[in-house]
Amino acid sequence: MVHPKIKKLYASIPSFECQEGCADCCSSLVPFAKSEWDAIPVKKEANSMQCPYVSEDNKCSIHRVKPYMCRLFGAGKDPLLKCPKGCGPEKPLSWEKAKKLTNKYHALISK
């Protein structure tokens, strides 16, 4: 089960639909909190730069339990987290709000 404080951060991130079949942002370098990792039913080891949870048809096989950084990607105005296909929510997070949420996330996972 994902830590309740991390779930609270999830609720602060606006959702949006990704482009069908796109996995351009799915990297194996995404950090996971221990509770996020524990929520994944089948553990896979990365053997490339792409996330090991991207299916053959370029869909997220752990979408329901995806970690914080996957949820944040494309949801804000930070140029480093911008969707390469231009997808995003109607009301994206400001850079400041995304930074504040991420600082809270890092504080939780560093304990």
N, C-alpha and C. Protein backbone atom coordinates (compact mmCIF):
# COMPACT_ATOMS: atom_id res chain seq x y z
N MET A 1 0.85 -1.19 0.00
CA MET A 1 0.00 0.00 0.00
C MET A 1 0.89 1.25 0.00
N VAL A 2 0.55 2.18 -0.86
CA VAL A 2 1.31 3.43 -0.94
C VAL A 2 1.03 4.25 0.32
N HIS A 3 2.08 4.86 0.84
CA HIS A 3 1.98 5.68 2.05
C HIS A 3 0.89 6.73 1.86
N PRO A 4 0.01 6.91 2.86
CA PRO A 4 -1.09 7.88 2.75
C PRO A 4 -0.64 9.31 2.43
N LYS A 5 0.51 9.73 2.94
CA LYS A 5 1.00 11.10 2.66
C LYS A 5 1.41 11.23 1.19
N ILE A 6 1.93 10.15 0.61
CA ILE A 6 2.28 10.17 -0.82
C ILE A 6 0.99 10.19 -1.64
N LYS A 7 0.00 9.41 -1.23
CA LYS A 7 -1.29 9.42 -1.94
C LYS A 7 -1.91 10.82 -1.91
N LYS A 8 -1.73 11.53 -0.82
CA LYS A 8 -2.24 12.90 -0.72
C LYS A 8 -1.56 13.79 -1.77
N LEU A 9 -0.27 13.58 -1.99
CA LEU A 9 0.44 14.34 -3.03
C LEU A 9 -0.12 14.00 -4.41
N TYR A 10 -0.42 12.71 -4.64
CA TYR A 10 -1.02 12.30 -5.92
C TYR A 10 -2.27 13.13 -6.21
N ALA A 11 -3.08 13.33 -5.17
CA ALA A 11 -4.35 14.04 -5.35
C ALA A 11 -4.15 15.50 -5.76
N SER A 12 -2.97 16.04 -5.52
CA SER A 12 -2.67 17.43 -5.88
C SER A 12 -2.20 17.59 -7.32
N ILE A 13 -1.97 16.48 -7.99
CA ILE A 13 -1.47 16.51 -9.37
C ILE A 13 -2.65 16.37 -10.33
N PRO A 14 -2.83 17.34 -11.22
CA PRO A 14 -3.95 17.23 -12.17
C PRO A 14 -3.73 16.09 -13.15
N SER A 15 -4.80 15.36 -13.42
CA SER A 15 -4.67 14.24 -14.35
C SER A 15 -4.98 14.70 -15.77
N PHE A 16 -4.57 13.89 -16.72
CA PHE A 16 -4.82 14.15 -18.14
C PHE A 16 -4.59 12.86 -18.90
N GLU A 17 -5.06 12.82 -20.11
CA GLU A 17 -4.90 11.64 -20.94
C GLU A 17 -3.65 11.76 -21.80
N CYS A 18 -2.87 10.71 -21.80
CA CYS A 18 -1.69 10.66 -22.68
C CYS A 18 -2.14 10.28 -24.09
N GLN A 19 -1.27 10.53 -25.04
CA GLN A 19 -1.55 10.12 -26.41
C GLN A 19 -1.48 8.60 -26.48
N GLU A 20 -2.45 7.98 -27.09
CA GLU A 20 -2.51 6.52 -27.20
C GLU A 20 -1.23 5.96 -27.81
N GLY A 21 -0.65 4.97 -27.13
CA GLY A 21 0.52 4.28 -27.64
C GLY A 21 1.84 5.02 -27.45
N CYS A 22 1.83 6.12 -26.73
CA CYS A 22 3.05 6.89 -26.51
C CYS A 22 3.71 6.46 -25.20
N ALA A 23 4.99 6.21 -25.24
CA ALA A 23 5.76 5.89 -24.04
C ALA A 23 7.06 6.69 -24.03
N ASP A 24 7.02 7.86 -24.68
CA ASP A 24 8.21 8.69 -24.82
C ASP A 24 8.82 9.12 -23.49
N CYS A 25 7.99 9.29 -22.48
CA CYS A 25 8.51 9.77 -21.19
C CYS A 25 8.82 8.63 -20.22
N CYS A 26 8.58 7.41 -20.61
CA CYS A 26 8.73 6.26 -19.72
C CYS A 26 10.18 5.81 -19.62
N SER A 27 10.83 6.27 -18.57
CA SER A 27 12.25 5.99 -18.36
C SER A 27 12.45 5.03 -17.21
N SER A 28 13.52 4.29 -17.25
CA SER A 28 13.86 3.38 -16.15
C SER A 28 14.52 4.14 -15.00
N LEU A 29 14.72 5.44 -15.17
CA LEU A 29 15.41 6.23 -14.16
C LEU A 29 14.45 6.91 -13.18
N VAL A 30 13.18 6.56 -13.21
CA VAL A 30 12.18 7.17 -12.33
C VAL A 30 12.38 6.65 -10.91
N PRO A 31 12.45 7.57 -9.93
CA PRO A 31 12.58 7.12 -8.54
C PRO A 31 11.25 6.61 -8.00
N PHE A 32 11.32 5.63 -7.13
CA PHE A 32 10.14 5.09 -6.45
C PHE A 32 10.36 5.22 -4.95
N ALA A 33 9.32 5.60 -4.22
CA ALA A 33 9.36 5.47 -2.76
C ALA A 33 9.20 3.99 -2.46
N LYS A 34 9.67 3.56 -1.30
CA LYS A 34 9.57 2.15 -0.94
C LYS A 34 8.12 1.69 -0.99
N SER A 35 7.20 2.49 -0.46
CA SER A 35 5.80 2.08 -0.46
C SER A 35 5.23 2.02 -1.88
N GLU A 36 5.73 2.86 -2.80
CA GLU A 36 5.31 2.78 -4.20
C GLU A 36 5.82 1.49 -4.83
N TRP A 37 7.07 1.18 -4.56
CA TRP A 37 7.66 -0.06 -5.09
C TRP A 37 6.92 -1.28 -4.55
N ASP A 38 6.59 -1.24 -3.27
CA ASP A 38 5.89 -2.37 -2.64
C ASP A 38 4.48 -2.56 -3.22
N ALA A 39 3.87 -1.50 -3.76
CA ALA A 39 2.53 -1.59 -4.33
C ALA A 39 2.50 -2.25 -5.70
N ILE A 40 3.65 -2.39 -6.33
CA ILE A 40 3.71 -3.01 -7.66
C ILE A 40 3.65 -4.53 -7.48
N PRO A 41 2.66 -5.18 -8.10
CA PRO A 41 2.46 -6.60 -7.87
C PRO A 41 3.59 -7.50 -8.40
N VAL A 42 4.13 -7.19 -9.57
CA VAL A 42 5.20 -8.00 -10.15
C VAL A 42 6.41 -7.10 -10.38
N LYS A 43 7.50 -7.42 -9.71
CA LYS A 43 8.72 -6.60 -9.83
C LYS A 43 9.49 -6.99 -11.09
N LYS A 44 9.96 -5.98 -11.80
CA LYS A 44 10.75 -6.20 -13.01
C LYS A 44 12.03 -5.39 -12.91
N GLU A 45 13.09 -5.93 -13.45
CA GLU A 45 14.37 -5.25 -13.46
C GLU A 45 14.57 -4.53 -14.79
N ALA A 46 15.04 -3.31 -14.72
CA ALA A 46 15.30 -2.53 -15.94
C ALA A 46 16.56 -3.06 -16.62
N ASN A 47 16.46 -3.26 -17.93
CA ASN A 47 17.64 -3.67 -18.69
C ASN A 47 17.87 -2.74 -19.88
N SER A 48 17.19 -1.60 -19.84
CA SER A 48 17.40 -0.56 -20.86
C SER A 48 17.00 0.77 -20.23
N MET A 49 17.02 1.82 -21.01
CA MET A 49 16.64 3.14 -20.50
C MET A 49 15.12 3.29 -20.40
N GLN A 50 14.37 2.40 -21.09
CA GLN A 50 12.92 2.49 -21.01
C GLN A 50 12.42 1.73 -19.78
N CYS A 51 11.36 2.23 -19.20
CA CYS A 51 10.75 1.61 -18.03
C CYS A 51 10.39 0.15 -18.33
N PRO A 52 10.70 -0.76 -17.42
CA PRO A 52 10.38 -2.17 -17.66
C PRO A 52 8.88 -2.45 -17.59
N TYR A 53 8.08 -1.47 -17.18
CA TYR A 53 6.64 -1.66 -17.06
C TYR A 53 5.86 -1.15 -18.28
N VAL A 54 6.58 -0.78 -19.34
CA VAL A 54 5.92 -0.41 -20.59
C VAL A 54 5.65 -1.71 -21.35
N SER A 55 4.38 -1.91 -21.70
CA SER A 55 3.99 -3.14 -22.40
C SER A 55 4.41 -3.07 -23.87
N GLU A 56 4.24 -4.18 -24.57
CA GLU A 56 4.61 -4.23 -26.00
C GLU A 56 3.81 -3.24 -26.84
N ASP A 57 2.60 -2.90 -26.40
CA ASP A 57 1.79 -1.93 -27.14
C ASP A 57 1.93 -0.52 -26.56
N ASN A 58 3.07 -0.28 -25.88
CA ASN A 58 3.42 1.04 -25.32
C ASN A 58 2.39 1.58 -24.33
N LYS A 59 1.90 0.72 -23.47
CA LYS A 59 0.99 1.14 -22.40
C LYS A 59 1.66 0.87 -21.07
N CYS A 60 1.28 1.64 -20.07
CA CYS A 60 1.83 1.46 -18.73
C CYS A 60 1.12 0.29 -18.06
N SER A 61 1.87 -0.75 -17.74
CA SER A 61 1.27 -1.93 -17.13
C SER A 61 1.04 -1.75 -15.63
N ILE A 62 1.54 -0.65 -15.05
CA ILE A 62 1.32 -0.36 -13.63
C ILE A 62 0.61 0.98 -13.45
N HIS A 63 -0.16 1.37 -14.44
CA HIS A 63 -0.80 2.69 -14.44
C HIS A 63 -1.54 2.98 -13.13
N ARG A 64 -2.24 2.02 -12.61
CA ARG A 64 -3.03 2.21 -11.38
C ARG A 64 -2.15 2.54 -10.18
N VAL A 65 -0.91 2.03 -10.16
CA VAL A 65 0.00 2.23 -9.03
C VAL A 65 1.29 2.95 -9.43
N LYS A 66 1.25 3.67 -10.55
CA LYS A 66 2.46 4.34 -11.02
C LYS A 66 2.98 5.32 -9.97
N PRO A 67 4.30 5.51 -9.91
CA PRO A 67 4.90 6.36 -8.88
C PRO A 67 4.67 7.86 -9.12
N TYR A 68 4.99 8.62 -8.10
CA TYR A 68 4.79 10.07 -8.09
C TYR A 68 5.35 10.74 -9.34
N MET A 69 6.60 10.47 -9.69
CA MET A 69 7.22 11.19 -10.82
C MET A 69 6.52 10.90 -12.13
N CYS A 70 6.00 9.69 -12.30
CA CYS A 70 5.23 9.38 -13.51
C CYS A 70 3.94 10.18 -13.55
N ARG A 71 3.34 10.36 -12.38
CA ARG A 71 2.11 11.13 -12.29
C ARG A 71 2.37 12.62 -12.57
N LEU A 72 3.53 13.11 -12.14
CA LEU A 72 3.86 14.52 -12.29
C LEU A 72 4.25 14.88 -13.72
N PHE A 73 4.86 13.93 -14.44
CA PHE A 73 5.36 14.22 -15.78
C PHE A 73 4.21 14.69 -16.68
N GLY A 74 4.38 15.85 -17.28
CA GLY A 74 3.40 16.42 -18.19
C GLY A 74 2.29 17.22 -17.50
N ALA A 75 2.23 17.15 -16.16
CA ALA A 75 1.13 17.79 -15.43
C ALA A 75 1.42 19.23 -15.02
N GLY A 76 2.64 19.69 -15.29
CA GLY A 76 3.00 21.04 -14.88
C GLY A 76 3.67 21.83 -15.98
N LYS A 77 4.08 23.03 -15.62
CA LYS A 77 4.70 23.94 -16.58
C LYS A 77 6.22 23.85 -16.60
N ASP A 78 6.81 23.00 -15.77
CA ASP A 78 8.26 22.83 -15.74
C ASP A 78 8.73 22.28 -17.09
N PRO A 79 9.61 23.00 -17.79
CA PRO A 79 10.05 22.54 -19.11
C PRO A 79 10.73 21.18 -19.09
N LEU A 80 11.32 20.79 -17.97
CA LEU A 80 11.99 19.49 -17.88
C LEU A 80 10.98 18.34 -17.76
N LEU A 81 9.77 18.65 -17.38
CA LEU A 81 8.74 17.62 -17.20
C LEU A 81 7.61 17.75 -18.22
N LYS A 82 7.87 18.48 -19.28
CA LYS A 82 6.86 18.72 -20.29
C LYS A 82 6.70 17.49 -21.20
N CYS A 83 5.47 17.17 -21.51
CA CYS A 83 5.20 16.05 -22.41
C CYS A 83 5.76 16.36 -23.80
N PRO A 84 6.54 15.45 -24.38
CA PRO A 84 7.10 15.71 -25.71
C PRO A 84 6.04 15.75 -26.82
N LYS A 85 4.85 15.24 -26.54
CA LYS A 85 3.76 15.25 -27.52
C LYS A 85 2.78 16.41 -27.29
N GLY A 86 3.05 17.21 -26.24
CA GLY A 86 2.20 18.35 -25.96
C GLY A 86 0.95 18.05 -25.14
N CYS A 87 0.85 16.85 -24.60
CA CYS A 87 -0.30 16.52 -23.75
C CYS A 87 -0.13 17.15 -22.38
N GLY A 88 -1.22 17.37 -21.71
CA GLY A 88 -1.18 17.93 -20.36
C GLY A 88 -2.57 18.31 -19.91
N PRO A 89 -2.72 18.64 -18.64
CA PRO A 89 -4.03 19.00 -18.12
C PRO A 89 -4.47 20.39 -18.58
N GLU A 90 -5.76 20.62 -18.48
CA GLU A 90 -6.30 21.93 -18.82
C GLU A 90 -5.68 23.02 -17.95
N LYS A 91 -5.51 22.72 -16.66
CA LYS A 91 -4.90 23.65 -15.73
C LYS A 91 -3.64 23.02 -15.14
N PRO A 92 -2.50 23.18 -15.81
CA PRO A 92 -1.26 22.57 -15.32
C PRO A 92 -0.77 23.21 -14.03
N LEU A 93 0.02 22.46 -13.29
CA LEU A 93 0.65 22.97 -12.07
C LEU A 93 1.65 24.05 -12.44
N SER A 94 1.72 25.07 -11.63
CA SER A 94 2.77 26.07 -11.83
C SER A 94 4.11 25.41 -11.47
N TRP A 95 5.17 26.00 -11.94
CA TRP A 95 6.51 25.49 -11.62
C TRP A 95 6.70 25.47 -10.11
N GLU A 96 6.25 26.53 -9.44
CA GLU A 96 6.42 26.64 -7.99
C GLU A 96 5.65 25.55 -7.24
N LYS A 97 4.40 25.28 -7.66
CA LYS A 97 3.58 24.25 -7.02
C LYS A 97 4.18 22.87 -7.24
N ALA A 98 4.64 22.59 -8.45
CA ALA A 98 5.27 21.29 -8.74
C ALA A 98 6.53 21.11 -7.90
N LYS A 99 7.32 22.17 -7.75
CA LYS A 99 8.53 22.10 -6.94
C LYS A 99 8.19 21.84 -5.48
N LYS A 100 7.17 22.53 -4.98
CA LYS A 100 6.75 22.35 -3.59
C LYS A 100 6.29 20.91 -3.34
N LEU A 101 5.49 20.37 -4.23
CA LEU A 101 5.03 18.99 -4.10
C LEU A 101 6.20 18.01 -4.15
N THR A 102 7.13 18.26 -5.07
CA THR A 102 8.28 17.37 -5.21
C THR A 102 9.18 17.43 -3.99
N ASN A 103 9.35 18.61 -3.41
CA ASN A 103 10.13 18.71 -2.18
C ASN A 103 9.48 17.91 -1.06
N LYS A 104 8.15 17.96 -0.97
CA LYS A 104 7.44 17.17 0.03
C LYS A 104 7.64 15.67 -0.23
N TYR A 105 7.56 15.29 -1.50
CA TYR A 105 7.77 13.88 -1.88
C TYR A 105 9.17 13.43 -1.46
N HIS A 106 10.18 14.21 -1.79
CA HIS A 106 11.56 13.84 -1.43
C HIS A 106 11.75 13.77 0.07
N ALA A 107 11.10 14.65 0.81
CA ALA A 107 11.19 14.60 2.27
C ALA A 107 10.59 13.29 2.80
N LEU A 108 9.50 12.85 2.18
CA LEU A 108 8.86 11.61 2.62
C LEU A 108 9.70 10.38 2.28
N ILE A 109 10.29 10.37 1.09
CA ILE A 109 11.03 9.16 0.71
C ILE A 109 12.43 9.09 1.29
N SER A 110 12.91 10.20 1.83
CA SER A 110 14.27 10.19 2.40
C SER A 110 14.28 9.80 3.88
N LYS A 111 13.12 9.56 4.43
CA LYS A 111 13.03 9.17 5.86
C LYS A 111 13.39 7.73 6.06
